[in-house]
N, C-alpha and C. Protein backbone atom coordinates (compact mmCIF):
# COMPACT_ATOMS: atom_id res chain seq x y z
N UNK A 1 -49.48 3.88 -56.19
CA UNK A 1 -49.17 3.69 -57.40
C UNK A 1 -47.49 3.07 -58.14
N UNK A 2 -46.85 2.42 -58.63
CA UNK A 2 -46.57 2.53 -60.04
C UNK A 2 -45.73 3.03 -60.67
N UNK A 3 -45.38 3.66 -62.17
CA UNK A 3 -45.65 3.52 -63.06
C UNK A 3 -44.60 3.27 -63.86
N UNK A 4 -45.03 3.17 -65.32
CA UNK A 4 -44.92 2.25 -66.26
C UNK A 4 -43.63 3.02 -66.66
N UNK A 5 -42.39 2.68 -67.74
CA UNK A 5 -41.36 3.02 -68.27
C UNK A 5 -41.87 4.91 -68.77
N UNK A 6 -41.31 5.76 -68.93
CA UNK A 6 -41.94 6.97 -69.80
C UNK A 6 -42.11 6.86 -71.42
N UNK A 7 -40.66 5.65 -71.30
CA UNK A 7 -40.71 5.46 -73.17
C UNK A 7 -41.80 4.59 -73.93
N UNK A 8 -42.39 4.36 -72.83
CA UNK A 8 -43.86 3.16 -72.91
C UNK A 8 -44.78 3.43 -73.67
N UNK A 9 -45.65 2.89 -74.77
CA UNK A 9 -45.93 4.03 -75.75
C UNK A 9 -47.55 4.13 -75.54
N UNK A 10 -48.16 2.76 -74.51
CA UNK A 10 -49.46 2.50 -74.43
C UNK A 10 -49.51 3.05 -73.30
N UNK A 11 -48.63 2.78 -71.76
CA UNK A 11 -49.21 3.51 -70.92
C UNK A 11 -49.59 2.90 -70.11
N UNK A 12 -50.09 1.48 -69.77
CA UNK A 12 -50.85 0.38 -69.40
C UNK A 12 -50.49 0.39 -68.59
N UNK A 13 -50.98 -0.09 -67.45
CA UNK A 13 -50.15 -1.25 -66.07
C UNK A 13 -50.89 -2.49 -66.49
N UNK A 14 -50.57 -2.81 -66.10
CA UNK A 14 -51.14 -4.40 -65.81
C UNK A 14 -51.22 -4.49 -64.14
N UNK A 15 -52.48 -4.96 -63.86
CA UNK A 15 -53.12 -4.96 -62.91
C UNK A 15 -52.86 -6.73 -62.14
N UNK A 16 -52.40 -6.06 -61.34
CA UNK A 16 -51.82 -7.39 -59.46
C UNK A 16 -53.26 -7.87 -58.86
N UNK A 17 -52.48 -8.80 -58.80
CA UNK A 17 -53.88 -10.50 -58.50
C UNK A 17 -53.60 -9.41 -56.82
N UNK A 18 -54.42 -10.39 -56.11
CA UNK A 18 -55.22 -9.48 -54.85
C UNK A 18 -53.86 -9.77 -54.32
N UNK A 19 -53.31 -11.00 -53.89
CA UNK A 19 -52.99 -12.33 -52.98
C UNK A 19 -50.99 -11.93 -53.69
N UNK A 20 -50.47 -10.98 -54.09
CA UNK A 20 -49.89 -10.49 -54.44
C UNK A 20 -49.02 -8.72 -54.39
N UNK A 21 -49.08 -8.82 -53.42
CA UNK A 21 -48.82 -7.07 -52.84
C UNK A 21 -46.83 -7.03 -53.35
N UNK A 22 -46.73 -5.85 -53.52
CA UNK A 22 -46.32 -4.93 -53.75
C UNK A 22 -45.28 -4.10 -53.00
N UNK A 23 -44.51 -3.17 -52.74
CA UNK A 23 -44.09 -2.12 -51.73
C UNK A 23 -44.41 -1.26 -53.09
N UNK A 24 -44.86 -0.27 -53.22
CA UNK A 24 -45.13 0.64 -54.61
C UNK A 24 -43.65 1.50 -53.86
N UNK A 25 -43.04 1.54 -52.48
CA UNK A 25 -41.54 2.39 -52.36
C UNK A 25 -40.38 1.25 -52.95
N UNK A 26 -39.05 2.66 -53.39
CA UNK A 26 -38.72 1.69 -53.62
C UNK A 26 -38.03 1.38 -52.54
N UNK A 27 -37.23 0.58 -52.79
CA UNK A 27 -35.87 -0.65 -51.89
C UNK A 27 -34.96 0.37 -50.93
N UNK A 28 -34.59 0.75 -52.25
CA UNK A 28 -33.93 2.24 -51.95
C UNK A 28 -33.33 3.08 -50.74
N UNK A 29 -34.67 3.37 -50.52
CA UNK A 29 -35.35 4.38 -49.23
C UNK A 29 -35.95 3.83 -48.32
N UNK A 30 -35.60 1.99 -48.23
CA UNK A 30 -35.98 1.50 -47.21
C UNK A 30 -34.91 1.62 -45.90
N UNK A 31 -34.70 2.54 -44.96
CA UNK A 31 -33.39 1.99 -44.54
C UNK A 31 -33.74 0.88 -43.37
N UNK A 32 -34.36 -0.34 -43.71
CA UNK A 32 -33.54 -1.46 -43.01
C UNK A 32 -33.30 -2.15 -44.09
N UNK A 33 -34.01 -1.70 -45.17
CA UNK A 33 -32.78 -2.60 -47.01
C UNK A 33 -31.71 -2.22 -46.84
N UNK A 34 -31.68 -0.42 -46.74
CA UNK A 34 -30.72 0.20 -46.89
C UNK A 34 -28.84 -0.89 -44.96
N UNK A 35 -29.52 -1.04 -44.53
CA UNK A 35 -28.52 -0.98 -43.65
C UNK A 35 -28.26 -2.52 -43.16
N UNK A 36 -29.40 -3.86 -44.53
CA UNK A 36 -28.90 -4.41 -44.86
C UNK A 36 -28.09 -4.89 -46.04
N UNK A 37 -28.31 -4.74 -47.16
CA UNK A 37 -27.11 -4.32 -47.80
C UNK A 37 -25.82 -2.95 -48.45
N UNK A 38 -25.47 -2.59 -46.85
CA UNK A 38 -24.47 -0.96 -46.61
C UNK A 38 -23.25 -1.57 -47.29
N UNK A 39 -22.41 -2.73 -46.81
CA UNK A 39 -21.59 -2.58 -47.56
C UNK A 39 -21.31 -2.95 -49.41
N UNK A 40 -22.71 -3.95 -49.77
CA UNK A 40 -22.57 -4.41 -50.85
C UNK A 40 -21.82 -5.18 -51.58
N UNK A 41 -23.14 -5.91 -52.57
CA UNK A 41 -22.08 -7.31 -53.53
C UNK A 41 -20.12 -6.24 -54.12
N UNK A 42 -19.59 -7.71 -53.75
CA UNK A 42 -18.08 -7.10 -55.05
C UNK A 42 -18.19 -6.52 -56.15
N UNK A 43 -18.57 -6.64 -56.82
CA UNK A 43 -19.25 -6.18 -58.39
C UNK A 43 -17.47 -5.30 -59.12
N UNK A 44 -17.67 -5.89 -60.12
CA UNK A 44 -16.40 -5.13 -60.81
C UNK A 44 -16.80 -4.48 -62.20
N UNK A 45 -17.86 -4.57 -61.85
CA UNK A 45 -18.71 -3.34 -63.33
C UNK A 45 -20.30 -3.93 -63.59
N UNK A 46 -21.21 -2.65 -62.98
CA UNK A 46 -22.72 -2.89 -62.90
C UNK A 46 -22.89 -1.99 -64.18
N UNK A 47 -24.15 -3.51 -65.06
CA UNK A 47 -24.46 -2.87 -65.75
C UNK A 47 -25.77 -2.42 -65.80
N UNK A 48 -27.12 -1.34 -66.13
CA UNK A 48 -28.93 -1.99 -65.45
C UNK A 48 -28.92 -0.43 -67.01
N UNK A 49 -30.36 -1.01 -66.92
CA UNK A 49 -31.49 -0.26 -68.12
C UNK A 49 -32.86 -0.35 -67.67
N UNK A 50 -33.18 -0.04 -69.07
CA UNK A 50 -34.92 -0.49 -68.81
C UNK A 50 -34.71 -0.59 -70.73
N UNK A 51 -35.61 -1.49 -70.72
CA UNK A 51 -35.94 -1.04 -72.51
C UNK A 51 -37.33 -2.14 -73.00
N UNK A 52 -37.95 -0.55 -73.69
CA UNK A 52 -38.88 -1.28 -74.17
C UNK A 52 -39.50 -0.72 -75.86
N UNK A 53 -39.42 -2.12 -76.50
CA UNK A 53 -40.02 -1.99 -77.54
C UNK A 53 -40.84 -0.66 -78.62
N UNK A 54 -41.71 -0.91 -77.36
CA UNK A 54 -42.53 0.51 -78.61
C UNK A 54 -43.13 1.74 -78.47
N UNK A 55 -41.92 2.12 -79.04
CA UNK A 55 -41.16 3.33 -78.42
C UNK A 55 -40.42 4.13 -79.85
N UNK A 56 -40.35 5.12 -79.34
CA UNK A 56 -39.81 6.10 -80.64
C UNK A 56 -38.90 6.70 -79.43
N UNK A 57 -38.40 7.18 -79.18
CA UNK A 57 -36.78 7.99 -78.82
C UNK A 57 -36.45 7.16 -77.27
N UNK A 58 -35.04 7.52 -76.78
CA UNK A 58 -35.07 7.16 -75.02
C UNK A 58 -35.31 5.54 -74.73
N UNK A 59 -35.47 5.01 -75.63
CA UNK A 59 -36.30 3.34 -75.31
C UNK A 59 -35.05 2.98 -74.82
N UNK A 60 -34.29 2.59 -74.38
CA UNK A 60 -32.78 1.72 -73.78
C UNK A 60 -31.84 2.26 -73.03
N UNK A 61 -32.56 3.07 -72.21
CA UNK A 61 -31.22 3.93 -71.06
C UNK A 61 -30.75 2.77 -70.66
N UNK A 62 -29.40 3.52 -70.88
CA UNK A 62 -28.41 1.66 -70.23
C UNK A 62 -27.44 2.84 -69.48
N UNK A 63 -27.54 2.55 -68.07
CA UNK A 63 -25.88 2.68 -67.11
C UNK A 63 -24.95 2.03 -66.70
N UNK A 64 -23.65 1.89 -67.15
CA UNK A 64 -22.77 1.48 -66.42
C UNK A 64 -22.09 2.51 -64.97
N UNK A 65 -21.67 1.56 -64.51
CA UNK A 65 -20.54 1.69 -62.50
C UNK A 65 -19.61 0.60 -62.85
N UNK A 66 -18.30 0.98 -62.80
CA UNK A 66 -17.58 -0.01 -62.57
C UNK A 66 -16.35 1.23 -61.66
N UNK A 67 -15.60 0.58 -60.40
CA UNK A 67 -14.85 1.36 -59.08
C UNK A 67 -13.88 1.22 -60.16
N UNK A 68 -12.97 2.53 -59.45
CA UNK A 68 -12.05 2.68 -60.08
C UNK A 68 -11.03 3.38 -59.35
N UNK A 69 -9.76 3.18 -58.77
CA UNK A 69 -8.94 4.03 -58.07
C UNK A 69 -9.28 5.45 -57.36
N UNK A 70 -9.96 6.32 -58.23
CA UNK A 70 -9.96 7.63 -58.05
C UNK A 70 -11.73 7.56 -57.22
N UNK A 71 -12.41 6.90 -57.23
CA UNK A 71 -14.26 6.06 -56.52
C UNK A 71 -14.67 5.71 -58.10
N UNK A 72 -16.11 5.66 -57.77
CA UNK A 72 -16.91 5.37 -59.10
C UNK A 72 -17.20 5.88 -60.40
N UNK A 73 -16.71 5.43 -61.02
CA UNK A 73 -16.95 5.58 -62.72
C UNK A 73 -18.22 5.30 -62.83
N UNK A 74 -18.88 6.47 -64.15
CA UNK A 74 -20.46 6.16 -64.49
C UNK A 74 -20.73 6.77 -65.40
N UNK A 75 -21.01 6.05 -66.84
CA UNK A 75 -21.33 6.39 -67.92
C UNK A 75 -22.92 5.18 -68.21
N UNK A 76 -23.31 6.45 -69.30
CA UNK A 76 -24.38 6.42 -70.13
C UNK A 76 -24.85 6.16 -71.71
N UNK A 77 -25.80 5.39 -72.32
CA UNK A 77 -25.46 4.86 -73.37
C UNK A 77 -26.86 5.25 -73.50
N UNK A 78 -27.20 7.07 -74.34
CA UNK A 78 -27.96 7.32 -74.36
C UNK A 78 -28.85 6.76 -76.03
N UNK A 79 -27.94 6.24 -76.60
CA UNK A 79 -27.88 5.80 -78.12
C UNK A 79 -28.91 4.34 -78.99
N UNK A 80 -30.21 4.23 -77.91
CA UNK A 80 -30.24 3.10 -77.71
C UNK A 80 -29.09 1.62 -78.14
N UNK A 81 -28.71 2.36 -78.60
CA UNK A 81 -27.58 0.82 -78.96
C UNK A 81 -28.02 -1.20 -78.96
N UNK A 82 -28.13 -0.72 -77.68
CA UNK A 82 -29.45 -2.03 -76.84
C UNK A 82 -30.45 -2.78 -77.62
N UNK A 83 -30.91 -1.78 -79.13
CA UNK A 83 -31.67 -2.31 -79.70
C UNK A 83 -30.98 -2.67 -80.62
N UNK A 84 -30.19 -2.48 -81.18
CA UNK A 84 -29.58 -3.10 -82.49
C UNK A 84 -28.97 -4.62 -81.66
N UNK A 85 -28.38 -5.44 -83.44
CA UNK A 85 -28.27 -6.51 -82.89
C UNK A 85 -26.99 -6.71 -83.96
N UNK A 86 -25.94 -7.40 -83.46
CA UNK A 86 -25.83 -7.71 -82.06
C UNK A 86 -25.74 -6.46 -81.04
N UNK A 87 -26.27 -7.06 -80.26
CA UNK A 87 -26.23 -5.58 -78.95
C UNK A 87 -24.63 -5.20 -79.05
N UNK A 88 -24.40 -4.17 -79.08
CA UNK A 88 -23.36 -3.11 -78.34
C UNK A 88 -23.89 -1.92 -77.58
N UNK A 89 -23.45 -2.43 -76.92
CA UNK A 89 -24.12 -0.95 -75.73
C UNK A 89 -22.22 0.03 -75.99
N UNK A 90 -23.10 1.40 -76.13
CA UNK A 90 -22.35 2.51 -76.26
C UNK A 90 -22.15 3.40 -75.50
N UNK A 91 -21.61 3.70 -74.94
CA UNK A 91 -21.41 4.55 -73.38
C UNK A 91 -20.79 6.23 -73.49
N UNK A 92 -21.62 6.51 -74.16
CA UNK A 92 -20.26 8.27 -74.99
C UNK A 92 -21.12 9.02 -73.99
N UNK A 93 -21.32 8.68 -72.81
CA UNK A 93 -21.73 10.38 -71.65
C UNK A 93 -21.35 10.25 -70.71
N UNK A 94 -20.54 10.59 -69.78
CA UNK A 94 -19.59 10.42 -68.83
C UNK A 94 -20.75 11.13 -67.79
N UNK A 95 -21.18 10.20 -66.78
CA UNK A 95 -22.37 10.73 -65.43
C UNK A 95 -20.68 11.66 -65.22
N UNK A 96 -21.30 13.02 -64.20
CA UNK A 96 -20.22 13.63 -63.23
C UNK A 96 -21.41 13.94 -62.42
N UNK A 97 -22.44 14.96 -61.97
CA UNK A 97 -23.13 14.52 -60.21
C UNK A 97 -23.31 13.52 -59.90
N UNK A 98 -22.80 14.05 -58.59
CA UNK A 98 -22.90 13.06 -57.46
C UNK A 98 -23.81 12.68 -57.08
N UNK A 99 -24.40 12.93 -57.19
CA UNK A 99 -26.46 13.11 -57.02
C UNK A 99 -26.90 11.74 -57.58
N UNK A 100 -26.79 11.94 -59.25
CA UNK A 100 -26.40 10.36 -59.83
C UNK A 100 -25.83 9.18 -59.57
N UNK A 101 -24.79 9.47 -59.04
CA UNK A 101 -23.95 8.81 -58.98
C UNK A 101 -24.40 7.68 -57.84
N UNK A 102 -24.90 8.71 -56.66
CA UNK A 102 -24.99 7.91 -55.18
C UNK A 102 -26.12 6.89 -56.32
N UNK A 103 -27.44 7.52 -57.15
CA UNK A 103 -28.30 6.68 -56.95
C UNK A 103 -28.41 5.58 -57.44
N UNK A 104 -27.87 5.33 -58.48
CA UNK A 104 -27.04 3.96 -59.12
C UNK A 104 -26.29 2.27 -58.48
N UNK A 105 -25.60 3.63 -57.27
CA UNK A 105 -24.40 2.72 -56.20
C UNK A 105 -25.96 2.67 -55.48
N UNK A 106 -26.08 3.16 -55.14
CA UNK A 106 -27.86 2.24 -54.09
C UNK A 106 -28.11 1.46 -54.84
N UNK A 107 -28.49 1.41 -56.06
CA UNK A 107 -28.92 0.26 -56.69
C UNK A 107 -28.75 -0.81 -57.08
N UNK A 108 -26.89 -0.41 -56.59
CA UNK A 108 -25.92 -1.28 -56.72
C UNK A 108 -25.72 -2.51 -56.22
N UNK A 109 -25.32 -1.95 -54.82
CA UNK A 109 -25.69 -2.35 -53.51
C UNK A 109 -26.81 -3.09 -53.22
N UNK A 110 -28.01 -2.58 -53.26
CA UNK A 110 -29.26 -3.40 -53.88
C UNK A 110 -29.18 -4.67 -54.35
N UNK A 111 -29.19 -4.93 -55.29
CA UNK A 111 -28.28 -5.77 -55.97
C UNK A 111 -29.04 -7.31 -55.74
N UNK A 112 -30.05 -8.16 -55.59
CA UNK A 112 -30.97 -9.59 -54.30
C UNK A 112 -29.74 -10.05 -54.73
N UNK A 113 -29.48 -11.23 -53.82
CA UNK A 113 -29.03 -11.78 -53.69
C UNK A 113 -29.21 -13.70 -54.21
N UNK A 114 -30.35 -13.11 -54.55
CA UNK A 114 -31.07 -14.58 -55.54
C UNK A 114 -30.25 -14.50 -57.27
N UNK A 115 -30.11 -13.10 -57.44
CA UNK A 115 -29.42 -13.05 -58.63
C UNK A 115 -27.89 -13.48 -58.39
N UNK A 116 -27.65 -12.84 -57.86
CA UNK A 116 -25.52 -12.62 -57.37
C UNK A 116 -25.38 -13.95 -57.41
N UNK A 117 -25.85 -14.97 -56.73
CA UNK A 117 -25.91 -16.22 -56.49
C UNK A 117 -26.27 -17.22 -57.48
N UNK A 118 -27.15 -16.92 -57.98
CA UNK A 118 -27.28 -17.15 -59.37
C UNK A 118 -26.11 -17.97 -60.14
N UNK A 119 -26.58 -19.93 -60.42
CA UNK A 119 -25.52 -20.54 -61.16
C UNK A 119 -25.67 -20.30 -62.32
N UNK A 120 -26.56 -19.32 -62.98
CA UNK A 120 -27.22 -19.82 -64.72
C UNK A 120 -26.33 -17.84 -65.39
N UNK A 121 -26.11 -17.64 -65.59
CA UNK A 121 -25.14 -16.55 -66.26
C UNK A 121 -25.46 -16.27 -67.09
N UNK A 122 -26.20 -16.63 -67.71
CA UNK A 122 -27.65 -16.25 -68.22
C UNK A 122 -29.18 -16.15 -68.13
N UNK A 123 -30.08 -15.43 -67.61
CA UNK A 123 -31.47 -15.65 -67.78
C UNK A 123 -32.32 -15.02 -67.84
N UNK A 124 -33.77 -14.96 -68.17
CA UNK A 124 -34.88 -14.06 -68.27
C UNK A 124 -35.94 -14.41 -67.71
N UNK A 125 -36.03 -13.81 -66.82
CA UNK A 125 -36.91 -13.90 -66.03
C UNK A 125 -38.34 -13.49 -66.63
N UNK A 126 -39.73 -13.52 -66.35
CA UNK A 126 -40.94 -13.79 -66.70
C UNK A 126 -40.70 -13.56 -68.62
N UNK A 127 -41.32 -12.64 -69.04
CA UNK A 127 -41.60 -12.69 -70.61
C UNK A 127 -42.08 -10.81 -70.38
N UNK A 128 -40.02 -10.17 -70.33
CA UNK A 128 -40.00 -8.58 -70.45
C UNK A 128 -39.96 -8.30 -71.65
N UNK A 129 -40.88 -7.60 -72.26
CA UNK A 129 -41.44 -6.42 -72.51
C UNK A 129 -42.37 -6.97 -73.65
N UNK A 130 -43.04 -8.09 -73.15
CA UNK A 130 -44.18 -8.70 -74.20
C UNK A 130 -44.88 -8.66 -74.03
N UNK A 131 -46.16 -7.23 -72.68
CA UNK A 131 -47.51 -6.74 -73.07
C UNK A 131 -47.05 -5.04 -73.22
N UNK A 132 -46.07 -4.60 -73.93
CA UNK A 132 -45.61 -2.95 -74.40
C UNK A 132 -45.36 -2.67 -73.02
N UNK A 133 -44.71 -3.87 -71.55
CA UNK A 133 -44.44 -3.25 -70.25
C UNK A 133 -42.65 -2.88 -70.52
N UNK A 134 -42.32 -3.21 -71.24
CA UNK A 134 -41.08 -3.20 -71.36
C UNK A 134 -40.05 -3.76 -69.49
N UNK A 135 -38.64 -3.95 -69.88
CA UNK A 135 -38.54 -4.78 -69.46
C UNK A 135 -36.55 -4.01 -69.08
N UNK A 136 -36.02 -5.11 -67.56
CA UNK A 136 -35.06 -4.57 -66.92
C UNK A 136 -34.03 -5.62 -67.80
N UNK A 137 -32.50 -4.68 -67.78
CA UNK A 137 -31.68 -5.21 -68.02
C UNK A 137 -30.30 -5.21 -67.27
N UNK A 138 -29.86 -6.02 -66.97
CA UNK A 138 -28.69 -5.98 -65.54
C UNK A 138 -26.65 -7.30 -66.03
N UNK A 139 -25.94 -6.16 -65.72
CA UNK A 139 -25.27 -7.68 -66.38
C UNK A 139 -24.49 -6.71 -65.35
N UNK A 140 -23.46 -7.97 -64.83
CA UNK A 140 -22.23 -7.42 -64.24
C UNK A 140 -21.01 -8.57 -63.63
N UNK A 141 -20.25 -8.23 -63.31
CA UNK A 141 -19.02 -8.73 -63.18
C UNK A 141 -19.04 -9.33 -61.85
N UNK A 142 -19.00 -9.99 -60.98
CA UNK A 142 -17.65 -9.91 -59.69
C UNK A 142 -16.53 -9.57 -59.85
N UNK A 143 -15.96 -8.64 -59.08
CA UNK A 143 -14.15 -8.49 -59.09
C UNK A 143 -13.70 -10.46 -58.38
N UNK A 144 -12.59 -9.94 -59.22
CA UNK A 144 -11.82 -11.04 -59.49
C UNK A 144 -12.64 -12.00 -60.27
N UNK A 145 -13.05 -12.32 -61.02
CA UNK A 145 -14.23 -13.10 -61.97
C UNK A 145 -14.43 -12.84 -62.83
N UNK A 146 -14.13 -13.74 -64.14
CA UNK A 146 -13.90 -13.45 -65.35
C UNK A 146 -15.48 -13.32 -66.40
N UNK A 147 -16.15 -14.54 -64.87
CA UNK A 147 -17.42 -14.56 -66.36
C UNK A 147 -18.27 -12.82 -65.85
N UNK A 148 -18.32 -13.34 -67.08
CA UNK A 148 -20.27 -11.81 -66.22
C UNK A 148 -21.81 -12.31 -66.51
N UNK A 149 -22.52 -12.02 -65.94
CA UNK A 149 -23.87 -12.12 -65.37
C UNK A 149 -24.88 -11.85 -66.32
N UNK A 150 -25.60 -12.11 -67.09
CA UNK A 150 -26.46 -11.27 -67.98
C UNK A 150 -28.28 -11.69 -67.24
N UNK A 151 -28.92 -10.38 -67.23
CA UNK A 151 -30.54 -10.90 -66.74
C UNK A 151 -31.56 -9.83 -66.96
N UNK A 152 -32.39 -10.88 -67.94
CA UNK A 152 -33.22 -9.54 -68.42
C UNK A 152 -34.79 -10.36 -67.89
N UNK A 153 -35.52 -8.92 -67.04
CA UNK A 153 -36.21 -8.74 -66.50
C UNK A 153 -38.25 -8.83 -66.61
N UNK A 154 -39.05 -8.99 -66.60
CA UNK A 154 -40.06 -8.53 -66.90
C UNK A 154 -40.88 -7.90 -64.81
N UNK A 155 -40.61 -6.24 -65.41
CA UNK A 155 -41.41 -6.30 -64.02
C UNK A 155 -42.86 -6.82 -63.61
N UNK A 156 -43.26 -7.08 -64.71
CA UNK A 156 -44.64 -6.74 -64.32
C UNK A 156 -45.34 -8.21 -63.91
N UNK A 157 -44.04 -9.40 -64.10
CA UNK A 157 -44.78 -10.47 -63.76
C UNK A 157 -45.08 -10.96 -62.77
N UNK A 158 -46.55 -11.66 -62.92
CA UNK A 158 -47.34 -12.14 -61.49
C UNK A 158 -47.39 -13.08 -61.10
N UNK A 159 -46.55 -13.98 -61.09
CA UNK A 159 -46.37 -15.29 -60.74
C UNK A 159 -44.89 -15.82 -60.65
N UNK A 160 -44.32 -16.11 -61.99
CA UNK A 160 -43.78 -17.27 -62.65
C UNK A 160 -41.83 -16.70 -61.93
N UNK A 161 -41.69 -15.33 -61.36
CA UNK A 161 -40.48 -14.88 -61.21
C UNK A 161 -40.78 -14.26 -59.40
N UNK A 162 -39.68 -14.94 -58.95
CA UNK A 162 -39.71 -14.29 -57.15
C UNK A 162 -39.61 -13.13 -57.16
N UNK A 163 -40.64 -12.74 -56.63
CA UNK A 163 -40.62 -10.55 -55.47
C UNK A 163 -40.15 -10.46 -55.64
N UNK A 164 -38.64 -11.37 -54.44
CA UNK A 164 -37.98 -10.40 -54.44
C UNK A 164 -36.89 -9.35 -55.83
N UNK A 165 -37.05 -10.69 -56.98
CA UNK A 165 -36.50 -9.55 -58.32
C UNK A 165 -37.81 -8.74 -58.98
N UNK A 166 -38.61 -9.21 -59.18
CA UNK A 166 -39.48 -8.28 -59.74
C UNK A 166 -39.79 -7.16 -58.90
N UNK A 167 -39.87 -6.84 -57.50
CA UNK A 167 -39.66 -6.07 -56.87
C UNK A 167 -38.53 -5.24 -56.85
N UNK A 168 -36.80 -5.78 -57.44
CA UNK A 168 -35.44 -4.79 -57.66
C UNK A 168 -35.95 -4.79 -58.58
N UNK A 169 -36.83 -5.28 -60.01
CA UNK A 169 -36.41 -4.49 -61.22
C UNK A 169 -37.35 -3.69 -61.80
N UNK A 170 -38.54 -3.56 -60.58
CA UNK A 170 -39.32 -2.37 -60.74
C UNK A 170 -38.39 -1.34 -59.40
N UNK A 171 -37.51 -1.54 -58.89
CA UNK A 171 -37.07 -0.29 -58.22
C UNK A 171 -35.61 0.37 -59.36
N UNK A 172 -35.01 -0.84 -60.64
CA UNK A 172 -34.66 -0.61 -61.27
C UNK A 172 -36.07 0.43 -62.41
N UNK A 173 -36.55 0.50 -62.66
CA UNK A 173 -37.34 1.21 -63.36
C UNK A 173 -37.37 2.35 -62.98
N UNK A 174 -37.11 2.57 -62.04
CA UNK A 174 -37.81 4.15 -61.33
C UNK A 174 -36.44 4.59 -61.13
N UNK A 175 -35.30 3.69 -60.97
CA UNK A 175 -34.31 4.87 -61.03
C UNK A 175 -33.26 5.22 -62.49
N UNK A 176 -34.11 4.52 -63.43
CA UNK A 176 -33.57 4.20 -64.48
C UNK A 176 -34.23 5.75 -65.19
N UNK A 177 -36.06 5.38 -64.75
CA UNK A 177 -36.64 7.06 -65.63
C UNK A 177 -36.52 8.38 -64.45
N UNK A 178 -35.44 8.58 -63.11
CA UNK A 178 -35.00 9.41 -62.85
C UNK A 178 -34.08 10.04 -63.70
N UNK A 179 -32.51 8.72 -63.62
CA UNK A 179 -31.66 9.10 -64.00
C UNK A 179 -31.61 9.72 -65.27
N UNK A 180 -32.69 8.70 -66.66
CA UNK A 180 -32.92 9.18 -67.16
C UNK A 180 -33.88 10.89 -68.22
N UNK A 181 -33.73 11.55 -66.49
CA UNK A 181 -34.34 12.41 -67.15
C UNK A 181 -33.52 14.29 -68.22
N UNK A 182 -32.64 14.17 -67.67
CA UNK A 182 -31.85 14.58 -67.98
C UNK A 182 -30.21 14.41 -68.14
N UNK A 183 -29.84 15.43 -68.93
CA UNK A 183 -28.84 15.73 -69.47
C UNK A 183 -27.22 15.63 -68.37
N UNK A 184 -26.29 15.76 -68.92
CA UNK A 184 -25.37 16.77 -67.70
C UNK A 184 -25.30 18.11 -68.61
């Protein structure tokens, strides 16, 4: 069974209709999926996280990966700045743990083609956090391009969001939950 983001107050899960079956295992753990995504997209930056409206603390953990000359740097916004308006993420915590950086890098490599190749620079999929189920935020920029793409995704959508994007959003929720468990 999939878990709800730990910060979500109600802890309620939405039932899946019988005709839409999702694999409970992470896309990242699938060796076939990993082989297909071995190279990954050529991203200049990648921000991912989850947000929950009905919550008290650590309601919007966000992570940023940026490639550099000495490897991938990773930062963490633990301030819940995502919930402020205007949104200005505050990445004040450096993540140095190689295992955590590897998890995030795998998530970046697994970014669905549907999002990479989408013509919209901003789009909301489903109704993120409408039913106290939290939502996923993604922001990325392709290397050599100026435009940034931003997506808000309902990981519990039961019909209007493509299956590949829902599965990826659930994987993001799972990885964010793991990465958010302890400070360095």
